[in-house]
């Protein structure tokens, strides 16, 4: 009877571990997307530091 209980506890622990890993992945992905969106909202004029006078093709 103890073998069945040990197997059940192992399955519960694995399930909890997978849930924790899944929540962590969702949190990290959400943070990454939020940071990328914030970076895209920066006006391009603040990123441009120099404009070359002679561009290729002109």
C-alpha atoms as a PDB file:
ATOM      1  CA  UNK A   1       0.000   0.000   0.000  1.00  0.00           C
ATOM      2  CA  UNK A   2       2.892   2.380   0.661  1.00  0.00           C
ATOM      3  CA  UNK A   3       4.116   1.926  -2.928  1.00  0.00           C
ATOM      4  CA  UNK A   4       0.844   3.295  -4.292  1.00  0.00           C
ATOM      5  CA  UNK A   5       1.009   6.302  -1.996  1.00  0.00           C
ATOM      6  CA  UNK A   6       4.609   7.004  -2.980  1.00  0.00           C
ATOM      7  CA  UNK A   7       3.685   6.879  -6.666  1.00  0.00           C
ATOM      8  CA  UNK A   8       0.805   9.283  -6.080  1.00  0.00           C
ATOM      9  CA  UNK A   9       3.019  11.705  -4.172  1.00  0.00           C
ATOM     10  CA  UNK A  10       5.610  11.602  -6.956  1.00  0.00           C
ATOM     11  CA  UNK A  11       2.957  12.425  -9.547  1.00  0.00           C
ATOM     12  CA  UNK A  12       1.693  15.317  -7.432  1.00  0.00           C
ATOM     13  CA  UNK A  13       5.220  16.683  -7.005  1.00  0.00           C
ATOM     14  CA  UNK A  14       5.925  16.439 -10.735  1.00  0.00           C
ATOM     15  CA  UNK A  15       2.619  18.167 -11.502  1.00  0.00           C
ATOM     16  CA  UNK A  16       3.417  20.984  -9.059  1.00  0.00           C
ATOM     17  CA  UNK A  17       6.892  21.359 -10.565  1.00  0.00           C
ATOM     18  CA  UNK A  18       5.437  21.603 -14.080  1.00  0.00           C
ATOM     19  CA  UNK A  19       2.909  24.206 -12.911  1.00  0.00           C
ATOM     20  CA  UNK A  20       5.670  26.290 -11.297  1.00  0.00           C
ATOM     21  CA  UNK A  21       7.827  26.063 -14.431  1.00  0.00           C
ATOM     22  CA  UNK A  22       4.841  26.984 -16.629  1.00  0.00           C
ATOM     23  CA  UNK A  23       3.985  30.027 -14.527  1.00  0.00           C
ATOM     24  CA  UNK A  24       7.640  31.096 -14.601  1.00  0.00           C
ATOM     25  CA  UNK A  25       7.791  30.793 -18.387  1.00  0.00           C
ATOM     26  CA  UNK A  26       4.597  32.846 -18.782  1.00  0.00           C
ATOM     27  CA  UNK A  27       5.944  35.515 -16.404  1.00  0.00           C
ATOM     28  CA  UNK A  28       9.291  35.738 -18.223  1.00  0.00           C
ATOM     29  CA  UNK A  29       7.595  35.851 -21.649  1.00  0.00           C
ATOM     30  CA  UNK A  30       5.213  38.582 -20.482  1.00  0.00           C
ATOM     31  CA  UNK A  31       8.110  40.653 -19.105  1.00  0.00           C
ATOM     32  CA  UNK A  32      10.075  40.215 -22.333  1.00  0.00           C
ATOM     33  CA  UNK A  33       7.113  41.286 -24.506  1.00  0.00           C
ATOM     34  CA  UNK A  34       6.407  44.289 -22.260  1.00  0.00           C
ATOM     35  CA  UNK A  35      10.033  45.451 -22.459  1.00  0.00           C
ATOM     36  CA  UNK A  36      10.096  45.056 -26.249  1.00  0.00           C
ATOM     37  CA  UNK A  37       6.860  47.025 -26.580  1.00  0.00           C
ATOM     38  CA  UNK A  38       8.238  49.811 -24.389  1.00  0.00           C
ATOM     39  CA  UNK A  39      11.413  49.955 -26.504  1.00  0.00           C
ATOM     40  CA  UNK A  40       9.324  50.255 -29.675  1.00  0.00           C
ATOM     41  CA  UNK A  41       7.364  53.190 -28.240  1.00  0.00           C
ATOM     42  CA  UNK A  42      10.500  55.354 -27.977  1.00  0.00           C
ATOM     43  CA  UNK A  43      10.396  58.023 -30.685  1.00  0.00           C
ATOM     44  CA  UNK A  44      12.914  57.324 -33.439  1.00  0.00           C
ATOM     45  CA  UNK A  45      14.331  60.846 -33.213  1.00  0.00           C
ATOM     46  CA  UNK A  46      15.766  60.065 -29.805  1.00  0.00           C
ATOM     47  CA  UNK A  47      17.600  57.062 -31.260  1.00  0.00           C
ATOM     48  CA  UNK A  48      19.069  58.824 -34.314  1.00  0.00           C
ATOM     49  CA  UNK A  49      22.368  60.455 -33.444  1.00  0.00           C
ATOM     50  CA  UNK A  50      23.760  61.346 -36.854  1.00  0.00           C
ATOM     51  CA  UNK A  51      22.521  61.620 -40.408  1.00  0.00           C
ATOM     52  CA  UNK A  52      25.115  61.127 -43.134  1.00  0.00           C
ATOM     53  CA  UNK A  53      25.202  63.907 -45.752  1.00  0.00           C
ATOM     54  CA  UNK A  54      26.120  61.608 -48.632  1.00  0.00           C
ATOM     55  CA  UNK A  55      23.859  58.589 -48.890  1.00  0.00           C
ATOM     56  CA  UNK A  56      24.550  55.794 -51.351  1.00  0.00           C
ATOM     57  CA  UNK A  57      22.572  56.054 -54.569  1.00  0.00           C
ATOM     58  CA  UNK A  58      22.280  59.858 -54.621  1.00  0.00           C
END
